[in-house]
C-alpha atoms as a PDB file:
ATOM      1  CA  MET A   1       0.000   0.000   0.000  1.00  0.00           C
ATOM      2  CA  SER A   2       2.883   2.359  -0.666  1.00  0.00           C
ATOM      3  CA  GLY A   3       0.848   4.324  -3.222  1.00  0.00           C
ATOM      4  CA  GLU A   4      -1.728   5.478  -0.693  1.00  0.00           C
ATOM      5  CA  THR A   5      -1.549   8.822   1.079  1.00  0.00           C
ATOM      6  CA  PRO A   6      -1.257   8.483   4.874  1.00  0.00           C
ATOM      7  CA  HIS A   7      -4.255   9.818   6.780  1.00  0.00           C
ATOM      8  CA  ASN A   8      -2.213  12.310   8.795  1.00  0.00           C
ATOM      9  CA  GLU A   9      -0.870  14.195   5.760  1.00  0.00           C
ATOM     10  CA  ASP A  10      -2.704  16.878   3.832  1.00  0.00           C
ATOM     11  CA  PRO A  11      -3.418  16.090   0.177  1.00  0.00           C
ATOM     12  CA  GLY A  12      -1.011  17.568  -2.345  1.00  0.00           C
ATOM     13  CA  PHE A  13      -1.853  20.512  -4.566  1.00  0.00           C
ATOM     14  CA  PHE A  14      -3.031  18.344  -7.468  1.00  0.00           C
ATOM     15  CA  GLU A  15      -5.024  16.034  -5.183  1.00  0.00           C
ATOM     16  CA  LYS A  16      -7.336  18.753  -3.878  1.00  0.00           C
ATOM     17  CA  PRO A  17     -10.832  18.664  -5.374  1.00  0.00           C
ATOM     18  CA  SER A  18     -10.756  22.419  -6.040  1.00  0.00           C
ATOM     19  CA  THR A  19      -7.536  22.085  -8.055  1.00  0.00           C
ATOM     20  CA  VAL A  20      -8.886  19.136 -10.035  1.00  0.00           C
ATOM     21  CA  ARG A  21     -12.049  21.109 -10.809  1.00  0.00           C
ATOM     22  CA  ALA A  22     -10.015  24.146 -11.909  1.00  0.00           C
ATOM     23  CA  ILE A  23      -7.894  21.985 -14.232  1.00  0.00           C
ATOM     24  CA  TRP A  24     -11.045  20.495 -15.808  1.00  0.00           C
ATOM     25  CA  ILE A  25     -12.511  23.967 -16.317  1.00  0.00           C
ATOM     26  CA  LEU A  26      -9.289  25.221 -17.927  1.00  0.00           C
ATOM     27  CA  LEU A  27      -9.096  22.163 -20.175  1.00  0.00           C
ATOM     28  CA  ILE A  28     -12.699  22.524 -21.326  1.00  0.00           C
ATOM     29  CA  ALA A  29     -12.215  26.257 -21.911  1.00  0.00           C
ATOM     30  CA  ALA A  30      -9.032  25.670 -23.944  1.00  0.00           C
ATOM     31  CA  CYS A  31     -10.709  22.993 -26.070  1.00  0.00           C
ATOM     32  CA  SER A  32     -13.754  25.200 -26.614  1.00  0.00           C
ATOM     33  CA  MET A  33     -11.645  28.198 -27.632  1.00  0.00           C
ATOM     34  CA  SER A  34      -9.655  26.014 -30.015  1.00  0.00           C
ATOM     35  CA  ALA A  35     -12.849  24.680 -31.623  1.00  0.00           C
ATOM     36  CA  VAL A  36     -14.289  28.198 -31.961  1.00  0.00           C
ATOM     37  CA  ALA A  37     -11.014  29.444 -33.467  1.00  0.00           C
ATOM     38  CA  GLY A  38     -11.155  26.577 -35.972  1.00  0.00           C
ATOM     39  CA  ILE A  39     -14.597  27.774 -37.053  1.00  0.00           C
ATOM     40  CA  VAL A  40     -13.993  31.540 -37.002  1.00  0.00           C
ATOM     41  CA  VAL A  41     -10.443  31.879 -38.365  1.00  0.00           C
ATOM     42  CA  PRO A  42     -10.260  31.424 -42.145  1.00  0.00           C
ATOM     43  CA  MET A  43      -8.091  28.492 -43.163  1.00  0.00           C
ATOM     44  CA  HIS A  44      -6.313  27.688 -46.392  1.00  0.00           C
ATOM     45  CA  PRO A  45      -6.599  23.911 -46.675  1.00  0.00           C
ATOM     46  CA  TYR A  46      -3.971  21.973 -48.526  1.00  0.00           C
ATOM     47  CA  PHE A  47      -6.291  19.035 -49.109  1.00  0.00           C
ATOM     48  CA  GLY A  48     -10.054  19.279 -49.474  1.00  0.00           C
ATOM     49  CA  PHE A  49     -10.959  17.431 -46.280  1.00  0.00           C
ATOM     50  CA  ASP A  50      -8.796  19.497 -43.931  1.00  0.00           C
ATOM     51  CA  GLY A  51     -10.911  22.566 -44.686  1.00  0.00           C
ATOM     52  CA  PHE A  52     -13.641  21.189 -42.387  1.00  0.00           C
ATOM     53  CA  PRO A  53     -13.878  23.606 -39.407  1.00  0.00           C
ATOM     54  CA  ILE A  54     -12.910  21.226 -36.588  1.00  0.00           C
ATOM     55  CA  PHE A  55     -11.045  18.640 -38.664  1.00  0.00           C
ATOM     56  CA  TYR A  56      -7.875  18.790 -36.568  1.00  0.00           C
ATOM     57  CA  ALA A  57      -9.767  18.357 -33.288  1.00  0.00           C
ATOM     58  CA  ILE A  58     -11.549  15.285 -34.624  1.00  0.00           C
ATOM     59  CA  TYR A  59      -8.356  13.912 -36.166  1.00  0.00           C
ATOM     60  CA  GLY A  60      -6.465  14.395 -32.887  1.00  0.00           C
ATOM     61  CA  PHE A  61      -9.210  12.711 -30.868  1.00  0.00           C
ATOM     62  CA  ILE A  62      -9.281   9.699 -33.194  1.00  0.00           C
ATOM     63  CA  ALA A  63      -5.478   9.412 -33.169  1.00  0.00           C
ATOM     64  CA  PHE A  64      -5.322   9.653 -29.373  1.00  0.00           C
ATOM     65  CA  SER A  65      -8.100   7.081 -28.993  1.00  0.00           C
ATOM     66  CA  PHE A  66      -6.230   4.711 -31.302  1.00  0.00           C
ATOM     67  CA  ILE A  67      -3.037   5.119 -29.268  1.00  0.00           C
ATOM     68  CA  VAL A  68      -4.855   4.378 -25.982  1.00  0.00           C
ATOM     69  CA  LEU A  69      -6.679   1.347 -27.377  1.00  0.00           C
ATOM     70  CA  ALA A  70      -3.531  -0.005 -29.022  1.00  0.00           C
ATOM     71  CA  GLY A  71      -1.681   0.459 -25.720  1.00  0.00           C
ATOM     72  CA  GLN A  72      -4.256  -1.621 -23.869  1.00  0.00           C
ATOM     73  CA  HIS A  73      -3.736  -4.517 -26.256  1.00  0.00           C
ATOM     74  CA  LEU A  74       0.035  -4.069 -26.330  1.00  0.00           C
ATOM     75  CA  ARG A  75       0.057  -4.273 -22.535  1.00  0.00           C
ATOM     76  CA  LYS A  76      -1.314  -7.824 -22.733  1.00  0.00           C
ATOM     77  CA  LEU A  77       1.647  -8.841 -24.885  1.00  0.00           C
ATOM     78  CA  ILE A  78       4.503  -7.273 -22.919  1.00  0.00           C
ATOM     79  CA  MET A  79       3.190  -7.185 -19.330  1.00  0.00           C
ATOM     80  CA  ARG A  80       5.318  -8.955 -16.723  1.00  0.00           C
ATOM     81  CA  ASP A  81       4.215 -10.687 -13.544  1.00  0.00           C
ATOM     82  CA  GLU A  82       3.849  -8.632 -10.355  1.00  0.00           C
ATOM     83  CA  ASP A  83       6.769 -10.393  -8.674  1.00  0.00           C
ATOM     84  CA  TYR A  84       9.083 -10.212 -11.700  1.00  0.00           C
ATOM     85  CA  TYR A  85      11.765  -8.213  -9.875  1.00  0.00           C
ATOM     86  CA  ASP A  86      11.334 -10.007  -6.524  1.00  0.00           C
ATOM     87  CA  ARG A  87      12.368 -13.435  -7.836  1.00  0.00           C
END
């Protein structure tokens, strides 16, 4: 249980609920501003499909999702036993 925080210590800065909430708000605001900028700012697409207003946001989300899902399956192939280093 070394990963648990002892009960007598105060939670760290990033463990406080108010900090977590503030980070979520900032993340949502940044994503919203980026999506609005993709709609408002005129773009000069190189290909036809990248002229779609939020193409890069959708492309990034799909790429990130693929990386996470591929990592879950890759973990099954290369994962070691819990006591690998204790043997």
